[in-house]
């Protein structure tokens, strides 16, 4: 009997869960202890990431030879473009990023990995790795948006990027499950590769946040 895509994702997310709390920046923001300058850095780094990921998702969709994978990756690209525009209000409110290293290698390794997968990743395993980390990223964004409003006085427009990624999008989940299930049914998905991809995504995600936590300690 073919494995269930949802079961595989649950196993991967259970493996990742013990490290979800290793993000050191989000607690500083939710407590109001991070300096305001961190938001200029966040916006500047995410501006680069969303532009890179927009291109990478288009490339993944173009390379995918399976319709469900094409739909999943193709559906992610417009969201990156939309999120990129949402950062403009935050950039205007915070001013330029005055960090010593711009862009920061620790922040940009995440989109570099997405770009690598656009050339080298197996489509179903890549879909599993990407989607498995969505829930944790959504929680980070929700907590950051709450902290921005409560402690730093940012407006809804200025928090829009984080509100956008905090929202649940059932359609994206359905598309991810379809892409993963097709890979399982065709016996093209290497489950070890899916786990490895998800672990790397988590590690690069945490490196993004913790690079900024080290530069902007509370």
N, C-alpha and C. Protein backbone atom coordinates (compact mmCIF):
# COMPACT_ATOMS: atom_id res chain seq x y z
N UNK A 1 0.85 -1.20 0.00
CA UNK A 1 0.00 0.00 0.00
C UNK A 1 0.88 1.25 0.00
N UNK A 2 0.55 2.23 -0.84
CA UNK A 2 1.35 3.44 -0.95
C UNK A 2 1.27 4.26 0.33
N UNK A 3 2.37 4.84 0.69
CA UNK A 3 2.43 5.71 1.86
C UNK A 3 1.57 6.94 1.66
N UNK A 4 1.09 7.50 2.76
CA UNK A 4 0.31 8.73 2.73
C UNK A 4 1.23 9.94 2.81
N UNK A 5 0.98 10.92 1.96
CA UNK A 5 1.77 12.15 2.00
C UNK A 5 1.61 12.86 3.33
N UNK A 6 0.39 12.86 3.86
CA UNK A 6 0.18 13.53 5.15
C UNK A 6 0.95 12.83 6.26
N UNK A 7 0.98 11.50 6.22
CA UNK A 7 1.72 10.76 7.24
C UNK A 7 3.21 11.08 7.16
N UNK A 8 3.74 11.15 5.96
CA UNK A 8 5.15 11.49 5.79
C UNK A 8 5.44 12.87 6.34
N UNK A 9 4.58 13.85 6.02
CA UNK A 9 4.79 15.20 6.53
C UNK A 9 4.72 15.24 8.05
N UNK A 10 3.79 14.49 8.62
CA UNK A 10 3.68 14.45 10.09
C UNK A 10 4.95 13.89 10.71
N UNK A 11 5.53 12.87 10.09
CA UNK A 11 6.77 12.29 10.60
C UNK A 11 7.93 13.29 10.50
N UNK A 12 7.99 13.98 9.38
CA UNK A 12 9.06 14.97 9.22
C UNK A 12 8.91 16.10 10.22
N UNK A 13 7.70 16.60 10.39
CA UNK A 13 7.48 17.71 11.31
C UNK A 13 7.73 17.29 12.76
N UNK A 14 7.42 16.04 13.10
CA UNK A 14 7.73 15.55 14.44
C UNK A 14 9.23 15.50 14.66
N UNK A 15 9.97 15.17 13.62
CA UNK A 15 11.43 15.16 13.71
C UNK A 15 11.98 16.58 13.90
N UNK A 16 11.37 17.54 13.25
CA UNK A 16 11.83 18.93 13.31
C UNK A 16 11.42 19.63 14.60
N UNK A 17 10.31 19.23 15.18
CA UNK A 17 9.69 19.98 16.28
C UNK A 17 10.63 20.30 17.44
N UNK A 18 11.51 19.38 17.88
CA UNK A 18 12.37 19.72 19.03
C UNK A 18 13.26 20.94 18.82
N UNK A 19 13.52 21.30 17.56
CA UNK A 19 14.40 22.44 17.29
C UNK A 19 13.64 23.73 16.96
N UNK A 20 12.33 23.65 16.87
CA UNK A 20 11.57 24.85 16.51
C UNK A 20 11.79 25.98 17.49
N UNK A 21 12.06 25.64 18.75
CA UNK A 21 12.27 26.66 19.77
C UNK A 21 13.68 27.21 19.82
N UNK A 22 14.54 26.81 18.89
CA UNK A 22 15.92 27.29 18.89
C UNK A 22 16.07 28.68 18.27
N UNK A 23 14.99 29.25 17.82
CA UNK A 23 14.98 30.62 17.28
C UNK A 23 15.16 31.59 18.46
N UNK A 24 16.28 32.33 18.46
CA UNK A 24 16.58 33.22 19.59
C UNK A 24 16.12 34.65 19.38
N UNK A 25 15.76 35.00 18.15
CA UNK A 25 15.33 36.38 17.91
C UNK A 25 13.87 36.62 18.22
N UNK A 26 13.01 35.69 17.83
CA UNK A 26 11.57 35.91 18.01
C UNK A 26 11.21 36.16 19.47
N UNK A 27 11.74 35.41 20.45
CA UNK A 27 11.41 35.73 21.85
C UNK A 27 11.85 37.13 22.27
N UNK A 28 12.96 37.62 21.70
CA UNK A 28 13.39 38.99 22.03
C UNK A 28 12.38 40.01 21.52
N UNK A 29 11.84 39.77 20.32
CA UNK A 29 10.85 40.69 19.76
C UNK A 29 9.54 40.61 20.52
N UNK A 30 9.09 39.41 20.85
CA UNK A 30 7.81 39.28 21.55
C UNK A 30 7.87 39.88 22.95
N UNK A 31 9.07 39.94 23.53
CA UNK A 31 9.24 40.55 24.85
C UNK A 31 9.57 42.04 24.77
N UNK A 32 9.76 42.55 23.55
CA UNK A 32 10.09 43.96 23.38
C UNK A 32 11.53 44.29 23.72
N UNK A 33 12.40 43.29 23.74
CA UNK A 33 13.79 43.51 24.14
C UNK A 33 14.75 43.65 22.96
N UNK A 34 14.31 43.35 21.76
CA UNK A 34 15.16 43.53 20.59
C UNK A 34 15.21 45.01 20.21
N UNK A 35 16.37 45.53 19.82
CA UNK A 35 16.43 46.93 19.41
C UNK A 35 15.62 47.17 18.14
N UNK A 36 15.10 48.37 17.99
CA UNK A 36 14.26 48.68 16.84
C UNK A 36 15.02 48.50 15.52
N UNK A 37 16.33 48.65 15.56
CA UNK A 37 17.14 48.53 14.34
C UNK A 37 17.04 47.14 13.71
N UNK A 38 16.64 46.14 14.49
CA UNK A 38 16.55 44.79 13.93
C UNK A 38 15.50 44.72 12.83
N UNK A 39 14.50 45.58 12.87
CA UNK A 39 13.43 45.52 11.86
C UNK A 39 13.90 46.07 10.51
N UNK A 40 14.83 47.02 10.53
CA UNK A 40 15.43 47.47 9.28
C UNK A 40 16.22 46.33 8.65
N UNK A 41 16.94 45.58 9.48
CA UNK A 41 17.71 44.44 8.98
C UNK A 41 16.79 43.33 8.46
N UNK A 42 15.75 43.04 9.22
CA UNK A 42 14.79 42.02 8.78
C UNK A 42 14.20 42.37 7.43
N UNK A 43 13.77 43.61 7.29
CA UNK A 43 13.14 44.03 6.03
C UNK A 43 14.13 43.98 4.88
N UNK A 44 15.36 44.44 5.10
CA UNK A 44 16.36 44.45 4.03
C UNK A 44 16.72 43.04 3.59
N UNK A 45 16.90 42.14 4.54
CA UNK A 45 17.25 40.76 4.19
C UNK A 45 16.09 40.05 3.50
N UNK A 46 14.87 40.26 3.99
CA UNK A 46 13.71 39.62 3.39
C UNK A 46 13.41 40.18 2.00
N UNK A 47 13.76 41.42 1.77
CA UNK A 47 13.57 41.99 0.44
C UNK A 47 14.39 41.20 -0.58
N UNK A 48 15.60 40.86 -0.22
CA UNK A 48 16.45 40.06 -1.11
C UNK A 48 15.96 38.62 -1.22
N UNK A 49 15.53 38.06 -0.08
CA UNK A 49 15.10 36.66 -0.06
C UNK A 49 13.86 36.45 -0.91
N UNK A 50 12.87 37.32 -0.77
CA UNK A 50 11.63 37.12 -1.52
C UNK A 50 11.85 37.26 -3.02
N UNK A 51 12.74 38.15 -3.42
CA UNK A 51 13.03 38.29 -4.85
C UNK A 51 13.73 37.03 -5.37
N UNK A 52 14.67 36.50 -4.59
CA UNK A 52 15.37 35.28 -4.99
C UNK A 52 14.42 34.09 -5.03
N UNK A 53 13.61 33.94 -3.99
CA UNK A 53 12.68 32.81 -3.93
C UNK A 53 11.64 32.89 -5.04
N UNK A 54 11.22 34.09 -5.39
CA UNK A 54 10.28 34.25 -6.50
C UNK A 54 10.85 33.64 -7.77
N UNK A 55 12.11 33.94 -8.05
CA UNK A 55 12.75 33.37 -9.24
C UNK A 55 12.92 31.87 -9.10
N UNK A 56 13.33 31.43 -7.91
CA UNK A 56 13.58 29.99 -7.69
C UNK A 56 12.31 29.17 -7.84
N UNK A 57 11.19 29.67 -7.32
CA UNK A 57 9.94 28.92 -7.43
C UNK A 57 9.47 28.85 -8.88
N UNK A 58 9.68 29.91 -9.63
CA UNK A 58 9.37 29.85 -11.06
C UNK A 58 10.24 28.80 -11.74
N UNK A 59 11.52 28.75 -11.37
CA UNK A 59 12.43 27.77 -11.98
C UNK A 59 12.04 26.34 -11.59
N UNK A 60 11.65 26.14 -10.33
CA UNK A 60 11.19 24.82 -9.90
C UNK A 60 9.95 24.40 -10.68
N UNK A 61 9.02 25.33 -10.86
CA UNK A 61 7.80 25.01 -11.60
C UNK A 61 8.12 24.67 -13.05
N UNK A 62 9.04 25.43 -13.64
CA UNK A 62 9.39 25.20 -15.05
C UNK A 62 10.09 23.86 -15.24
N UNK A 63 10.88 23.44 -14.25
CA UNK A 63 11.63 22.19 -14.37
C UNK A 63 10.79 20.98 -14.02
N UNK A 64 9.72 21.17 -13.23
CA UNK A 64 8.91 20.03 -12.79
C UNK A 64 8.20 19.39 -13.99
N UNK A 65 8.28 18.07 -14.06
CA UNK A 65 7.61 17.35 -15.15
C UNK A 65 6.30 16.72 -14.69
N UNK A 66 5.88 17.02 -13.48
CA UNK A 66 4.66 16.46 -12.92
C UNK A 66 3.70 17.61 -12.61
N UNK A 67 2.46 17.55 -13.08
CA UNK A 67 1.55 18.69 -12.96
C UNK A 67 1.31 19.18 -11.53
N UNK A 68 1.18 18.26 -10.56
CA UNK A 68 0.91 18.70 -9.19
C UNK A 68 2.10 19.45 -8.60
N UNK A 69 3.30 19.01 -8.91
CA UNK A 69 4.49 19.73 -8.44
C UNK A 69 4.57 21.10 -9.10
N UNK A 70 4.26 21.16 -10.40
CA UNK A 70 4.25 22.44 -11.10
C UNK A 70 3.26 23.40 -10.48
N UNK A 71 2.09 22.90 -10.12
CA UNK A 71 1.07 23.75 -9.51
C UNK A 71 1.52 24.26 -8.15
N UNK A 72 2.14 23.38 -7.36
CA UNK A 72 2.60 23.79 -6.03
C UNK A 72 3.66 24.88 -6.12
N UNK A 73 4.72 24.63 -6.87
CA UNK A 73 5.80 25.61 -6.96
C UNK A 73 5.35 26.89 -7.64
N UNK A 74 4.55 26.72 -8.70
CA UNK A 74 4.04 27.89 -9.39
C UNK A 74 3.13 28.73 -8.52
N UNK A 75 2.42 28.09 -7.60
CA UNK A 75 1.53 28.82 -6.70
C UNK A 75 2.27 29.59 -5.62
N UNK A 76 3.50 29.17 -5.31
CA UNK A 76 4.28 29.88 -4.30
C UNK A 76 4.88 31.18 -4.82
N UNK A 77 5.20 31.21 -6.12
CA UNK A 77 5.90 32.36 -6.68
C UNK A 77 5.15 33.69 -6.52
N UNK A 78 3.84 33.77 -6.84
CA UNK A 78 3.15 35.05 -6.69
C UNK A 78 3.15 35.56 -5.25
N UNK A 79 3.10 34.65 -4.28
CA UNK A 79 3.14 35.06 -2.88
C UNK A 79 4.44 35.75 -2.52
N UNK A 80 5.55 35.28 -3.10
CA UNK A 80 6.84 35.93 -2.83
C UNK A 80 6.86 37.33 -3.41
N UNK A 81 6.31 37.49 -4.59
CA UNK A 81 6.25 38.81 -5.21
C UNK A 81 5.37 39.76 -4.39
N UNK A 82 4.25 39.25 -3.93
CA UNK A 82 3.35 40.07 -3.11
C UNK A 82 4.01 40.45 -1.80
N UNK A 83 4.67 39.48 -1.16
CA UNK A 83 5.34 39.75 0.11
C UNK A 83 6.47 40.76 -0.06
N UNK A 84 7.16 40.68 -1.18
CA UNK A 84 8.25 41.64 -1.45
C UNK A 84 7.72 43.07 -1.42
N UNK A 85 6.57 43.31 -2.03
CA UNK A 85 5.99 44.65 -2.05
C UNK A 85 5.53 45.07 -0.65
N UNK A 86 5.09 44.12 0.15
CA UNK A 86 4.62 44.43 1.50
C UNK A 86 5.72 44.98 2.40
N UNK A 87 6.96 44.70 2.06
CA UNK A 87 8.08 45.15 2.89
C UNK A 87 8.37 46.64 2.73
N UNK A 88 7.83 47.26 1.69
CA UNK A 88 8.15 48.66 1.43
C UNK A 88 7.73 49.57 2.57
N UNK A 89 6.56 49.32 3.14
CA UNK A 89 6.09 50.17 4.24
C UNK A 89 6.98 50.02 5.47
N UNK A 90 7.44 48.80 5.74
CA UNK A 90 8.33 48.59 6.89
C UNK A 90 9.69 49.25 6.65
N UNK A 91 10.21 49.14 5.43
CA UNK A 91 11.48 49.79 5.10
C UNK A 91 11.37 51.31 5.26
N UNK A 92 10.25 51.86 4.84
CA UNK A 92 10.05 53.31 4.96
C UNK A 92 9.99 53.73 6.42
N UNK A 93 9.42 52.87 7.28
CA UNK A 93 9.27 53.21 8.69
C UNK A 93 10.57 53.05 9.48
N UNK A 94 11.40 52.12 9.06
CA UNK A 94 12.61 51.83 9.84
C UNK A 94 13.85 52.55 9.33
N UNK A 95 13.82 52.99 8.07
CA UNK A 95 15.02 53.57 7.51
C UNK A 95 15.98 52.50 7.04
N UNK A 96 17.18 52.86 6.59
CA UNK A 96 18.12 51.89 6.02
C UNK A 96 18.70 50.97 7.09
N UNK A 97 19.14 49.83 6.61
CA UNK A 97 19.82 48.85 7.46
C UNK A 97 21.29 49.27 7.59
N UNK A 98 21.72 49.51 8.83
CA UNK A 98 23.09 49.95 9.08
C UNK A 98 23.97 48.83 9.61
N UNK A 99 23.58 47.59 9.38
CA UNK A 99 24.39 46.47 9.85
C UNK A 99 25.78 46.46 9.23
N UNK A 100 26.69 45.82 9.93
CA UNK A 100 28.09 45.81 9.46
C UNK A 100 28.26 44.96 8.20
N UNK A 101 27.50 43.89 8.10
CA UNK A 101 27.61 42.99 6.95
C UNK A 101 26.26 42.98 6.23
N UNK A 102 26.24 43.50 5.02
CA UNK A 102 24.98 43.60 4.27
C UNK A 102 25.21 43.16 2.83
N UNK A 103 24.51 42.16 2.34
CA UNK A 103 23.65 41.25 3.09
C UNK A 103 24.46 40.30 3.95
N UNK A 104 23.78 39.69 4.91
CA UNK A 104 24.44 38.80 5.85
C UNK A 104 24.44 37.37 5.30
N UNK A 105 25.61 36.75 5.32
CA UNK A 105 25.71 35.39 4.79
C UNK A 105 24.77 34.45 5.53
N UNK A 106 24.66 34.62 6.84
CA UNK A 106 23.80 33.74 7.64
C UNK A 106 22.34 33.88 7.30
N UNK A 107 21.94 35.03 6.76
CA UNK A 107 20.54 35.23 6.36
C UNK A 107 20.29 34.75 4.93
N UNK A 108 21.29 34.88 4.08
CA UNK A 108 21.07 34.60 2.67
C UNK A 108 21.35 33.15 2.27
N UNK A 109 21.82 32.32 3.21
CA UNK A 109 22.05 30.92 2.87
C UNK A 109 20.73 30.20 2.58
N UNK A 110 19.63 30.64 3.21
CA UNK A 110 18.32 30.02 2.96
C UNK A 110 17.92 30.16 1.49
N UNK A 111 17.87 31.37 0.93
CA UNK A 111 17.48 31.45 -0.49
C UNK A 111 18.52 30.81 -1.42
N UNK A 112 19.78 30.77 -0.98
CA UNK A 112 20.78 30.09 -1.79
C UNK A 112 20.46 28.60 -1.91
N UNK A 113 19.96 28.01 -0.82
CA UNK A 113 19.59 26.60 -0.86
C UNK A 113 18.36 26.39 -1.74
N UNK A 114 17.40 27.30 -1.66
CA UNK A 114 16.22 27.20 -2.54
C UNK A 114 16.65 27.26 -4.00
N UNK A 115 17.60 28.16 -4.31
CA UNK A 115 18.10 28.26 -5.68
C UNK A 115 18.83 26.99 -6.09
N UNK A 116 19.57 26.38 -5.18
CA UNK A 116 20.26 25.12 -5.47
C UNK A 116 19.23 24.03 -5.79
N UNK A 117 18.16 23.97 -5.00
CA UNK A 117 17.12 22.98 -5.24
C UNK A 117 16.43 23.22 -6.58
N UNK A 118 16.32 24.47 -6.98
CA UNK A 118 15.69 24.76 -8.27
C UNK A 118 16.44 24.11 -9.43
N UNK A 119 17.73 23.86 -9.23
CA UNK A 119 18.54 23.20 -10.25
C UNK A 119 18.71 21.71 -10.00
N UNK A 120 18.72 21.32 -8.74
CA UNK A 120 19.14 19.96 -8.41
C UNK A 120 18.12 19.11 -7.65
N UNK A 121 17.11 19.72 -7.06
CA UNK A 121 16.22 18.98 -6.16
C UNK A 121 15.22 18.09 -6.89
N UNK A 122 14.95 16.91 -6.33
CA UNK A 122 13.86 16.07 -6.82
C UNK A 122 12.56 16.74 -6.41
N UNK A 123 11.60 16.83 -7.33
CA UNK A 123 10.47 17.73 -7.11
C UNK A 123 9.60 17.37 -5.92
N UNK A 124 9.28 16.11 -5.69
CA UNK A 124 8.40 15.75 -4.58
C UNK A 124 9.11 15.91 -3.24
N UNK A 125 10.38 15.52 -3.17
CA UNK A 125 11.15 15.67 -1.93
C UNK A 125 11.34 17.14 -1.59
N UNK A 126 11.56 17.96 -2.62
CA UNK A 126 11.69 19.41 -2.41
C UNK A 126 10.39 20.00 -1.89
N UNK A 127 9.26 19.57 -2.46
CA UNK A 127 7.96 20.05 -1.99
C UNK A 127 7.76 19.68 -0.52
N UNK A 128 8.13 18.47 -0.14
CA UNK A 128 8.00 18.04 1.25
C UNK A 128 8.89 18.86 2.16
N UNK A 129 10.13 19.10 1.74
CA UNK A 129 11.05 19.87 2.57
C UNK A 129 10.59 21.30 2.77
N UNK A 130 10.10 21.91 1.71
CA UNK A 130 9.62 23.29 1.80
C UNK A 130 8.40 23.37 2.70
N UNK A 131 7.40 22.52 2.42
CA UNK A 131 6.14 22.65 3.15
C UNK A 131 6.27 22.25 4.62
N UNK A 132 7.15 21.31 4.92
CA UNK A 132 7.28 20.85 6.30
C UNK A 132 7.67 21.97 7.25
N UNK A 133 8.32 23.00 6.73
CA UNK A 133 8.76 24.11 7.57
C UNK A 133 7.81 25.29 7.58
N UNK A 134 6.74 25.22 6.80
CA UNK A 134 5.82 26.35 6.72
C UNK A 134 5.17 26.66 8.07
N UNK A 135 4.80 25.64 8.81
CA UNK A 135 4.07 25.87 10.07
C UNK A 135 4.93 26.64 11.06
N UNK A 136 6.20 26.24 11.20
CA UNK A 136 7.09 26.93 12.14
C UNK A 136 7.32 28.37 11.70
N UNK A 137 7.55 28.58 10.40
CA UNK A 137 7.75 29.94 9.91
C UNK A 137 6.50 30.79 10.14
N UNK A 138 5.34 30.20 9.95
CA UNK A 138 4.10 30.93 10.20
C UNK A 138 3.98 31.35 11.65
N UNK A 139 4.37 30.47 12.57
CA UNK A 139 4.33 30.82 14.00
C UNK A 139 5.32 31.94 14.32
N UNK A 140 6.50 31.86 13.75
CA UNK A 140 7.48 32.93 13.97
C UNK A 140 6.91 34.27 13.50
N UNK A 141 6.33 34.27 12.31
CA UNK A 141 5.79 35.51 11.76
C UNK A 141 4.63 36.04 12.59
N UNK A 142 3.77 35.16 13.07
CA UNK A 142 2.65 35.59 13.91
C UNK A 142 3.17 36.26 15.18
N UNK A 143 4.18 35.65 15.81
CA UNK A 143 4.71 36.20 17.06
C UNK A 143 5.44 37.52 16.81
N UNK A 144 6.16 37.61 15.70
CA UNK A 144 6.85 38.86 15.38
C UNK A 144 5.84 39.97 15.15
N UNK A 145 4.78 39.70 14.40
CA UNK A 145 3.77 40.73 14.14
C UNK A 145 3.12 41.20 15.44
N UNK A 146 2.84 40.27 16.34
CA UNK A 146 2.25 40.65 17.62
C UNK A 146 3.21 41.53 18.42
N UNK A 147 4.48 41.15 18.45
CA UNK A 147 5.47 41.94 19.17
C UNK A 147 5.67 43.32 18.56
N UNK A 148 5.63 43.39 17.23
CA UNK A 148 5.79 44.68 16.56
C UNK A 148 4.69 45.65 16.94
N UNK A 149 3.47 45.14 17.05
CA UNK A 149 2.35 46.00 17.40
C UNK A 149 2.39 46.39 18.89
N UNK A 150 2.65 45.40 19.73
CA UNK A 150 2.56 45.63 21.18
C UNK A 150 3.69 46.49 21.72
N UNK A 151 4.90 46.25 21.24
CA UNK A 151 6.07 46.89 21.86
C UNK A 151 6.72 47.98 21.02
N UNK A 152 6.47 48.00 19.71
CA UNK A 152 7.21 48.93 18.86
C UNK A 152 6.30 49.91 18.12
N UNK A 153 4.99 49.75 18.24
CA UNK A 153 4.06 50.70 17.65
C UNK A 153 3.96 50.67 16.14
N UNK A 154 4.27 49.54 15.52
CA UNK A 154 4.14 49.44 14.07
C UNK A 154 2.67 49.30 13.68
N UNK A 155 2.33 49.81 12.51
CA UNK A 155 0.97 49.75 12.00
C UNK A 155 0.71 48.43 11.29
N UNK A 156 -0.55 48.20 10.97
CA UNK A 156 -0.90 46.99 10.23
C UNK A 156 -0.20 46.92 8.90
N UNK A 157 -0.08 48.05 8.20
CA UNK A 157 0.61 48.07 6.90
C UNK A 157 2.08 47.69 7.07
N UNK A 158 2.68 48.17 8.16
CA UNK A 158 4.09 47.89 8.40
C UNK A 158 4.34 46.45 8.86
N UNK A 159 3.31 45.81 9.39
CA UNK A 159 3.39 44.41 9.82
C UNK A 159 2.90 43.44 8.75
N UNK A 160 2.50 43.97 7.60
CA UNK A 160 1.78 43.16 6.60
C UNK A 160 2.57 41.95 6.14
N UNK A 161 3.88 42.08 5.98
CA UNK A 161 4.69 40.94 5.53
C UNK A 161 4.55 39.77 6.48
N UNK A 162 4.63 40.03 7.77
CA UNK A 162 4.57 38.96 8.77
C UNK A 162 3.15 38.43 8.93
N UNK A 163 2.15 39.32 8.82
CA UNK A 163 0.76 38.86 8.84
C UNK A 163 0.48 37.93 7.66
N UNK A 164 1.04 38.25 6.52
CA UNK A 164 0.82 37.48 5.30
C UNK A 164 1.30 36.04 5.48
N UNK A 165 2.50 35.87 6.02
CA UNK A 165 3.04 34.53 6.16
C UNK A 165 2.52 33.81 7.41
N UNK A 166 1.88 34.55 8.31
CA UNK A 166 1.27 33.92 9.48
C UNK A 166 -0.07 33.27 9.16
N UNK A 167 -0.68 33.68 8.06
CA UNK A 167 -2.02 33.19 7.71
C UNK A 167 -1.96 31.77 7.16
N UNK A 168 -2.94 30.96 7.55
CA UNK A 168 -3.07 29.61 6.99
C UNK A 168 -3.64 29.71 5.57
N UNK A 169 -3.08 28.92 4.66
CA UNK A 169 -3.58 28.89 3.28
C UNK A 169 -3.85 27.43 2.94
N UNK A 170 -5.08 26.94 3.18
CA UNK A 170 -5.38 25.53 2.92
C UNK A 170 -5.09 25.09 1.50
N UNK A 171 -5.25 25.99 0.54
CA UNK A 171 -5.02 25.63 -0.86
C UNK A 171 -3.56 25.23 -1.08
N UNK A 172 -2.63 25.94 -0.44
CA UNK A 172 -1.21 25.60 -0.59
C UNK A 172 -0.93 24.23 0.03
N UNK A 173 -1.56 23.95 1.17
CA UNK A 173 -1.38 22.64 1.79
C UNK A 173 -1.89 21.53 0.87
N UNK A 174 -3.05 21.74 0.28
CA UNK A 174 -3.61 20.73 -0.64
C UNK A 174 -2.68 20.51 -1.83
N UNK A 175 -2.12 21.57 -2.36
CA UNK A 175 -1.21 21.45 -3.50
C UNK A 175 0.07 20.72 -3.11
N UNK A 176 0.59 21.01 -1.92
CA UNK A 176 1.80 20.33 -1.44
C UNK A 176 1.53 18.84 -1.27
N UNK A 177 0.42 18.50 -0.64
CA UNK A 177 0.09 17.09 -0.42
C UNK A 177 -0.08 16.35 -1.75
N UNK A 178 -0.69 17.00 -2.72
CA UNK A 178 -0.87 16.36 -4.03
C UNK A 178 0.47 16.10 -4.70
N UNK A 179 1.39 17.06 -4.62
CA UNK A 179 2.71 16.90 -5.23
C UNK A 179 3.49 15.78 -4.55
N UNK A 180 3.42 15.73 -3.22
CA UNK A 180 4.14 14.70 -2.47
C UNK A 180 3.53 13.33 -2.72
N UNK A 181 2.19 13.26 -2.72
CA UNK A 181 1.52 11.98 -2.92
C UNK A 181 1.83 11.41 -4.30
N UNK A 182 1.88 12.26 -5.30
CA UNK A 182 2.21 11.78 -6.64
C UNK A 182 3.60 11.19 -6.67
N UNK A 183 4.53 11.84 -5.98
CA UNK A 183 5.89 11.30 -5.91
C UNK A 183 5.95 9.98 -5.20
N UNK A 184 5.17 9.84 -4.13
CA UNK A 184 5.12 8.56 -3.42
C UNK A 184 4.50 7.47 -4.28
N UNK A 185 3.39 7.79 -4.92
CA UNK A 185 2.69 6.79 -5.74
C UNK A 185 3.56 6.30 -6.90
N UNK A 186 4.36 7.21 -7.46
CA UNK A 186 5.22 6.85 -8.58
C UNK A 186 6.55 6.27 -8.12
N UNK A 187 6.74 6.20 -6.82
CA UNK A 187 8.00 5.70 -6.23
C UNK A 187 9.20 6.50 -6.70
N UNK A 188 8.96 7.80 -6.87
CA UNK A 188 10.04 8.70 -7.25
C UNK A 188 10.58 9.46 -6.05
N UNK A 189 9.81 9.51 -4.98
CA UNK A 189 10.20 10.29 -3.81
C UNK A 189 11.07 9.43 -2.89
N UNK A 190 12.29 9.86 -2.65
CA UNK A 190 13.18 9.23 -1.68
C UNK A 190 12.89 9.87 -0.33
N UNK A 191 12.33 9.10 0.59
CA UNK A 191 11.92 9.67 1.87
C UNK A 191 13.11 10.19 2.67
N UNK A 192 14.25 9.54 2.54
CA UNK A 192 15.44 10.05 3.23
C UNK A 192 15.81 11.43 2.71
N UNK A 193 15.66 11.62 1.40
CA UNK A 193 15.94 12.92 0.81
C UNK A 193 14.95 13.97 1.30
N UNK A 194 13.68 13.60 1.45
CA UNK A 194 12.67 14.53 1.95
C UNK A 194 13.00 14.96 3.38
N UNK A 195 13.40 14.00 4.22
CA UNK A 195 13.79 14.34 5.60
C UNK A 195 15.02 15.25 5.61
N UNK A 196 16.00 14.91 4.77
CA UNK A 196 17.24 15.70 4.72
C UNK A 196 16.95 17.12 4.25
N UNK A 197 16.13 17.25 3.23
CA UNK A 197 15.76 18.56 2.71
C UNK A 197 15.07 19.40 3.78
N UNK A 198 14.15 18.79 4.50
CA UNK A 198 13.43 19.51 5.56
C UNK A 198 14.36 19.94 6.68
N UNK A 199 15.30 19.06 7.06
CA UNK A 199 16.25 19.42 8.12
C UNK A 199 17.13 20.59 7.71
N UNK A 200 17.56 20.59 6.45
CA UNK A 200 18.38 21.70 5.98
C UNK A 200 17.58 23.00 5.93
N UNK A 201 16.35 22.92 5.47
CA UNK A 201 15.51 24.11 5.50
C UNK A 201 15.37 24.67 6.92
N UNK A 202 15.14 23.79 7.86
CA UNK A 202 15.01 24.24 9.25
C UNK A 202 16.31 24.88 9.74
N UNK A 203 17.43 24.25 9.44
CA UNK A 203 18.72 24.77 9.89
C UNK A 203 19.00 26.15 9.29
N UNK A 204 18.71 26.30 8.00
CA UNK A 204 18.95 27.59 7.35
C UNK A 204 17.97 28.65 7.85
N UNK A 205 16.74 28.24 8.12
CA UNK A 205 15.75 29.16 8.69
C UNK A 205 16.21 29.67 10.05
N UNK A 206 16.66 28.76 10.91
CA UNK A 206 17.13 29.16 12.23
C UNK A 206 18.38 30.03 12.13
N UNK A 207 19.25 29.72 11.17
CA UNK A 207 20.45 30.52 10.99
C UNK A 207 20.09 31.95 10.61
N UNK A 208 19.05 32.11 9.80
CA UNK A 208 18.58 33.46 9.45
C UNK A 208 18.26 34.25 10.71
N UNK A 209 17.37 33.71 11.54
CA UNK A 209 16.92 34.44 12.73
C UNK A 209 18.06 34.62 13.74
N UNK A 210 18.86 33.60 13.92
CA UNK A 210 19.89 33.67 14.97
C UNK A 210 21.08 34.52 14.55
N UNK A 211 21.31 34.66 13.24
CA UNK A 211 22.31 35.63 12.77
C UNK A 211 21.93 37.03 13.22
N UNK A 212 20.66 37.36 13.10
CA UNK A 212 20.18 38.68 13.52
C UNK A 212 20.14 38.80 15.04
N UNK A 213 19.83 37.70 15.72
CA UNK A 213 19.83 37.74 17.19
C UNK A 213 21.23 38.02 17.72
N UNK A 214 22.26 37.49 17.07
CA UNK A 214 23.63 37.74 17.50
C UNK A 214 24.04 39.18 17.24
N UNK A 215 23.56 39.73 16.14
CA UNK A 215 23.92 41.11 15.80
C UNK A 215 23.14 42.13 16.61
N UNK A 216 21.92 41.78 16.96
CA UNK A 216 21.05 42.70 17.70
C UNK A 216 20.58 42.05 19.01
N UNK A 217 21.48 41.81 19.95
CA UNK A 217 21.08 41.14 21.19
C UNK A 217 20.20 42.05 22.04
N UNK A 218 19.34 41.44 22.82
CA UNK A 218 18.44 42.23 23.66
C UNK A 218 19.14 42.79 24.89
